[in-house]
């Protein structure tokens, strides 16, 4: 059963679309890109942040200005010895650097300097709005300060950001320089996500077309072009896709679509780990780190 809040949103969307589809489309887009309130963490999320306090204390913390406000960037340097290069880590929606701890530590132990973003509206970064343009801008700024990168590693929405940043899909930003991509539990099709969202809030056909136009106005790119499988097919960057068939947030068909982009994309199944536990699994970390450190290419399993 839909919550009272969702019922109100659906009614408002219906009224707005009957009056002006462009108004409904704009309102839907603003709702879509609204980030969680800073105080809206669950008890479990708060515990995870608290447990990572010592880990975060090891980082050098930078605050860099973007159009979305101050961006928090955390730099984790490797132990003694020569650095193997830099890796950029990008978290997903309703996430933050602390939740990427296992991956960050894995790359550090392999000798990499790890740069981790808090996307706008998340973690230590300011803002209450996040869209692909703002996210790609954050990755672009990180590249200016800390790049080039041996790899860009993204989880969930962060994986989509990684592909779009390296592909240069937001025209006002140069493609992000990266030798490899690691995409964990990442969606392939942003249009699919928008269609699901439109259906969820009961946005009609006219309102949805207005939503698509609003995306193009904000990003400078038509919504249909935000498709990772298509973008990967056009750029031969060695890519590792890690996914679980039991992922309830991003269906496994999304991983298969990206794996079909070409021989430069490899698919590794991490079944039984869902959408979030996949981040802390030792086997997943080993694959993700090995793909970059050893130039390993896991067997294609699909």
Protein backbone atom coordinates (compact mmCIF):
# COMPACT_ATOMS: atom_id res chain seq x y z
CA UNK A 1 0.00 0.00 0.00
CA UNK A 2 1.29 3.44 -0.94
CA UNK A 3 2.23 5.73 1.94
CA UNK A 4 0.26 8.90 2.64
CA UNK A 5 3.19 10.98 1.39
CA UNK A 6 3.35 9.06 -1.90
CA UNK A 7 -0.42 9.38 -2.37
CA UNK A 8 -0.14 13.15 -1.92
CA UNK A 9 2.74 13.34 -4.43
CA UNK A 10 0.77 11.32 -6.96
CA UNK A 11 -2.28 13.55 -6.56
CA UNK A 12 -0.16 16.70 -6.93
CA UNK A 13 1.51 15.30 -10.06
CA UNK A 14 -1.88 14.53 -11.54
CA UNK A 15 -3.15 18.04 -10.84
CA UNK A 16 0.06 19.67 -12.12
CA UNK A 17 0.01 17.66 -15.34
CA UNK A 18 -3.63 18.58 -15.99
CA UNK A 19 -2.72 22.26 -15.65
CA UNK A 20 0.73 22.29 -17.29
CA UNK A 21 2.80 19.26 -18.31
CA UNK A 22 6.04 21.34 -18.25
CA UNK A 23 5.36 22.25 -14.61
CA UNK A 24 4.72 18.59 -13.80
CA UNK A 25 7.91 17.54 -15.59
CA UNK A 26 9.99 20.13 -13.77
CA UNK A 27 8.48 19.16 -10.41
CA UNK A 28 9.14 15.47 -11.09
CA UNK A 29 12.76 16.17 -11.98
CA UNK A 30 13.29 18.20 -8.82
CA UNK A 31 11.77 15.38 -6.80
CA UNK A 32 13.96 12.81 -8.57
CA UNK A 33 17.22 14.62 -7.87
CA UNK A 34 16.42 15.62 -4.29
CA UNK A 35 19.00 14.06 -1.97
CA UNK A 36 18.24 12.65 1.50
CA UNK A 37 18.23 15.09 4.39
CA UNK A 38 21.57 15.01 6.27
CA UNK A 39 19.79 13.96 9.45
CA UNK A 40 17.81 11.19 7.75
CA UNK A 41 20.38 8.44 8.37
CA UNK A 42 19.06 5.20 9.77
CA UNK A 43 20.47 3.80 13.01
CA UNK A 44 22.48 1.29 10.98
CA UNK A 45 23.93 4.02 8.77
CA UNK A 46 24.92 6.06 11.80
CA UNK A 47 26.70 3.05 13.30
CA UNK A 48 28.58 2.45 10.04
CA UNK A 49 29.77 6.06 9.99
CA UNK A 50 30.83 5.89 13.63
CA UNK A 51 32.74 2.63 13.07
CA UNK A 52 34.63 4.24 10.19
CA UNK A 53 35.83 7.24 12.24
CA UNK A 54 39.38 5.94 12.69
CA UNK A 55 39.52 4.96 9.02
CA UNK A 56 38.44 8.45 7.92
CA UNK A 57 40.99 10.02 10.29
CA UNK A 58 43.74 8.48 8.15
CA UNK A 59 42.68 10.49 5.09
CA UNK A 60 43.64 13.93 3.92
CA UNK A 61 40.40 15.86 3.54
CA UNK A 62 39.90 18.44 0.82
CA UNK A 63 37.03 20.81 0.15
CA UNK A 64 36.76 21.91 -3.46
CA UNK A 65 34.25 24.37 -4.84
CA UNK A 66 31.89 23.31 -7.64
CA UNK A 67 28.64 24.76 -9.00
CA UNK A 68 26.81 22.60 -6.43
CA UNK A 69 28.78 24.05 -3.52
CA UNK A 70 31.71 22.63 -1.57
CA UNK A 71 32.67 19.11 -2.56
CA UNK A 72 34.30 16.86 0.05
CA UNK A 73 37.15 14.79 -1.38
CA UNK A 74 39.05 12.30 0.77
CA UNK A 75 42.59 11.28 -0.17
CA UNK A 76 43.93 7.99 1.19
CA UNK A 77 47.63 7.54 0.56
CA UNK A 78 49.28 4.12 0.36
CA UNK A 79 51.77 2.87 2.90
CA UNK A 80 55.49 3.18 2.50
CA UNK A 81 56.83 2.57 -0.97
CA UNK A 82 56.19 3.95 -4.40
CA UNK A 83 52.58 4.57 -5.37
CA UNK A 84 51.12 2.36 -8.10
CA UNK A 85 49.01 5.30 -9.27
CA UNK A 86 45.68 6.83 -8.30
CA UNK A 87 42.21 5.30 -8.16
CA UNK A 88 39.00 7.35 -7.99
CA UNK A 89 36.16 5.81 -5.97
CA UNK A 90 32.56 7.04 -6.39
CA UNK A 91 29.78 5.91 -4.07
CA UNK A 92 26.11 5.46 -4.90
CA UNK A 93 22.88 7.23 -4.01
CA UNK A 94 22.29 7.64 -0.26
CA UNK A 95 25.85 6.58 0.39
CA UNK A 96 29.20 8.15 1.26
CA UNK A 97 32.94 7.46 1.44
CA UNK A 98 32.67 5.54 4.73
CA UNK A 99 30.61 2.81 3.05
CA UNK A 100 33.36 2.25 0.45
CA UNK A 101 35.90 1.42 3.15
CA UNK A 102 36.68 -2.18 2.12
CA UNK A 103 37.42 -1.22 -1.47
CA UNK A 104 39.48 1.79 -0.46
CA UNK A 105 41.57 -0.28 1.93
CA UNK A 106 42.03 -2.95 -0.73
CA UNK A 107 43.45 -0.49 -3.23
CA UNK A 108 45.63 1.16 -0.59
CA UNK A 109 47.13 -2.19 0.38
CA UNK A 110 47.89 -2.78 -3.31
CA UNK A 111 49.90 0.45 -3.35
CA UNK A 112 47.39 2.87 -4.87
CA UNK A 113 46.54 6.35 -3.73
CA UNK A 114 42.76 6.38 -3.42
CA UNK A 115 40.68 9.49 -3.97
CA UNK A 116 37.07 9.17 -2.81
CA UNK A 117 34.30 11.67 -3.52
CA UNK A 118 31.32 12.52 -1.41
CA UNK A 119 28.88 13.38 -4.17
CA UNK A 120 26.84 16.60 -3.80
CA UNK A 121 24.22 16.22 -1.09
CA UNK A 122 26.01 13.23 0.44
CA UNK A 123 28.52 12.74 3.26
CA UNK A 124 30.58 15.87 3.81
CA UNK A 125 29.51 17.60 0.58
CA UNK A 126 26.95 20.39 0.51
CA UNK A 127 23.75 20.53 -1.50
CA UNK A 128 20.33 18.91 -1.65
CA UNK A 129 20.25 18.17 -5.37
CA UNK A 130 22.16 15.59 -7.38
CA UNK A 131 21.87 14.81 -11.07
CA UNK A 132 24.23 13.36 -13.64
CA UNK A 133 25.61 16.78 -14.60
CA UNK A 134 26.48 17.65 -10.99
CA UNK A 135 27.95 14.19 -10.40
CA UNK A 136 30.09 14.27 -13.55
CA UNK A 137 31.25 17.76 -12.61
CA UNK A 138 32.40 16.38 -9.24
CA UNK A 139 34.38 13.62 -10.95
CA UNK A 140 35.79 16.16 -13.44
CA UNK A 141 37.00 18.42 -10.61
CA UNK A 142 38.57 15.43 -8.84
CA UNK A 143 40.37 14.62 -12.08
CA UNK A 144 41.74 18.14 -12.34
CA UNK A 145 43.13 17.97 -8.82
CA UNK A 146 44.20 14.34 -8.50
CA UNK A 147 44.12 12.66 -11.94
CA UNK A 148 44.83 10.95 -14.20
CA UNK A 149 43.51 7.73 -12.71
CA UNK A 150 44.54 4.13 -13.17
CA UNK A 151 40.89 3.29 -12.61
CA UNK A 152 37.55 4.78 -11.68
CA UNK A 153 35.55 2.52 -9.38
CA UNK A 154 31.85 3.17 -8.91
CA UNK A 155 29.06 1.51 -6.93
CA UNK A 156 25.42 1.73 -8.03
CA UNK A 157 24.71 5.29 -9.25
CA UNK A 158 28.42 5.94 -8.81
CA UNK A 159 29.07 3.35 -11.51
CA UNK A 160 26.83 5.22 -13.93
CA UNK A 161 28.66 8.43 -13.02
CA UNK A 162 32.01 6.75 -13.69
CA UNK A 163 30.99 5.68 -17.20
CA UNK A 164 29.49 9.05 -18.11
CA UNK A 165 32.50 10.94 -16.74
CA UNK A 166 35.00 8.85 -18.73
CA UNK A 167 32.80 8.92 -21.83
CA UNK A 168 32.38 12.71 -21.64
CA UNK A 169 28.61 12.53 -22.01
CA UNK A 170 28.14 15.93 -20.34
CA UNK A 171 29.40 18.15 -23.12
CA UNK A 172 30.77 20.99 -21.00
CA UNK A 173 33.24 18.67 -19.25
CA UNK A 174 36.20 16.97 -20.89
CA UNK A 175 36.27 13.15 -20.64
CA UNK A 176 37.85 11.98 -17.39
CA UNK A 177 41.25 10.33 -17.96
CA UNK A 178 41.15 6.74 -16.66
CA UNK A 179 42.84 3.53 -17.80
CA UNK A 180 40.17 1.18 -16.44
CA UNK A 181 36.64 1.07 -15.07
CA UNK A 182 35.21 -1.08 -12.27
CA UNK A 183 31.41 -0.99 -12.03
CA UNK A 184 29.82 -2.64 -9.00
CA UNK A 185 26.04 -3.20 -8.84
CA UNK A 186 25.70 -0.38 -11.36
CA UNK A 187 22.69 0.42 -13.54
CA UNK A 188 23.12 0.55 -17.28
CA UNK A 189 20.04 2.47 -18.35
CA UNK A 190 19.19 5.83 -16.77
CA UNK A 191 16.09 6.04 -19.01
CA UNK A 192 14.84 2.86 -17.31
CA UNK A 193 15.27 4.50 -13.89
CA UNK A 194 13.37 7.58 -15.01
CA UNK A 195 10.56 5.46 -16.46
CA UNK A 196 10.29 3.57 -13.18
CA UNK A 197 10.24 6.83 -11.24
CA UNK A 198 7.61 8.33 -13.55
CA UNK A 199 5.43 5.27 -13.06
CA UNK A 200 5.99 5.38 -9.30
CA UNK A 201 4.69 8.95 -8.98
CA UNK A 202 1.97 8.34 -11.64
CA UNK A 203 3.38 10.84 -14.13
CA UNK A 204 1.39 10.73 -17.38
CA UNK A 205 2.82 10.65 -20.94
CA UNK A 206 2.83 14.44 -21.39
CA UNK A 207 4.45 15.00 -18.01
CA UNK A 208 7.06 12.34 -18.73
CA UNK A 209 7.99 13.96 -22.05
CA UNK A 210 8.38 17.22 -20.15
CA UNK A 211 10.59 15.42 -17.63
CA UNK A 212 12.81 14.19 -20.47
CA UNK A 213 13.09 17.73 -21.85
CA UNK A 214 14.03 19.01 -18.40
CA UNK A 215 16.83 16.44 -18.16
CA UNK A 216 18.17 17.66 -21.50
CA UNK A 217 17.96 21.30 -20.38
CA UNK A 218 19.95 20.62 -17.22
CA UNK A 219 22.54 18.19 -18.60
CA UNK A 220 22.80 19.30 -22.24
CA UNK A 221 22.27 15.66 -23.26
CA UNK A 222 19.10 13.79 -24.22
CA UNK A 223 18.02 11.24 -21.63
CA UNK A 224 18.22 8.38 -24.14
CA UNK A 225 21.99 8.85 -24.39
CA UNK A 226 22.54 8.06 -20.70
CA UNK A 227 22.92 4.37 -21.41
CA UNK A 228 26.07 2.70 -20.09
CA UNK A 229 25.96 -0.23 -22.48
CA UNK A 230 25.87 2.14 -25.45
CA UNK A 231 28.57 4.38 -24.02
CA UNK A 232 30.85 1.43 -23.24
CA UNK A 233 30.45 0.06 -26.75
CA UNK A 234 31.88 3.33 -28.07
CA UNK A 235 34.94 3.54 -25.82
CA UNK A 236 37.42 0.64 -25.54
CA UNK A 237 38.32 1.22 -21.87
CA UNK A 238 38.88 -2.16 -20.16
CA UNK A 239 35.94 -2.56 -17.82
CA UNK A 240 35.02 -4.98 -15.05
CA UNK A 241 31.33 -5.32 -14.19
CA UNK A 242 30.62 -6.94 -10.82
CA UNK A 243 27.02 -7.81 -10.01
CA UNK A 244 24.83 -10.18 -7.99
CA UNK A 245 21.89 -11.90 -9.61
CA UNK A 246 19.96 -11.41 -6.37
CA UNK A 247 20.40 -7.61 -6.45
CA UNK A 248 16.93 -6.21 -5.70
CA UNK A 249 17.74 -2.62 -6.58
CA UNK A 250 19.52 -3.02 -9.93
CA UNK A 251 18.41 -6.08 -11.95
CA UNK A 252 21.06 -8.44 -13.29
CA UNK A 253 19.89 -7.69 -16.83
CA UNK A 254 21.62 -4.31 -16.48
CA UNK A 255 24.96 -6.06 -15.89
CA UNK A 256 24.39 -8.36 -18.84
CA UNK A 257 23.63 -5.38 -21.07
CA UNK A 258 26.93 -3.73 -20.18
CA UNK A 259 28.83 -7.00 -20.59
CA UNK A 260 27.49 -7.18 -24.12
CA UNK A 261 29.12 -3.87 -25.06
CA UNK A 262 32.26 -5.57 -26.34
CA UNK A 263 35.19 -7.84 -25.62
CA UNK A 264 36.77 -5.13 -23.45
CA UNK A 265 34.02 -5.58 -20.84
CA UNK A 266 34.18 -8.49 -18.40
CA UNK A 267 31.43 -9.68 -16.08
CA UNK A 268 32.05 -11.21 -12.65
CA UNK A 269 29.10 -12.63 -10.74
CA UNK A 270 29.03 -12.10 -6.96
CA UNK A 271 25.80 -13.95 -6.30
CA UNK A 272 24.24 -13.96 -2.86
CA UNK A 273 25.60 -10.52 -1.96
CA UNK A 274 22.71 -8.33 -3.07
CA UNK A 275 23.18 -4.63 -3.70
CA UNK A 276 25.07 -3.39 -0.64
CA UNK A 277 26.80 -6.35 1.01
CA UNK A 278 28.70 -6.74 -2.25
CA UNK A 279 30.86 -3.76 -1.23
CA UNK A 280 32.42 -5.45 1.79
CA UNK A 281 32.92 -8.95 0.41
CA UNK A 282 36.58 -10.02 0.38
CA UNK A 283 36.20 -11.87 -2.93
CA UNK A 284 34.69 -8.85 -4.62
CA UNK A 285 37.43 -6.59 -3.28
CA UNK A 286 40.07 -9.03 -4.53
CA UNK A 287 38.56 -9.07 -8.03
CA UNK A 288 38.17 -5.29 -8.15
CA UNK A 289 41.71 -4.64 -6.96
CA UNK A 290 43.25 -7.44 -9.03
CA UNK A 291 41.66 -6.17 -12.22
CA UNK A 292 43.53 -2.90 -11.78
CA UNK A 293 46.71 -3.98 -9.99
CA UNK A 294 47.48 -7.15 -11.95
CA UNK A 295 45.78 -6.18 -15.21
CA UNK A 296 43.69 -9.28 -14.64
CA UNK A 297 40.64 -9.92 -16.77
CA UNK A 298 38.23 -12.36 -15.07
CA UNK A 299 36.58 -14.96 -17.25
CA UNK A 300 33.35 -13.83 -18.86
CA UNK A 301 30.59 -15.58 -16.95
CA UNK A 302 27.23 -14.97 -18.57
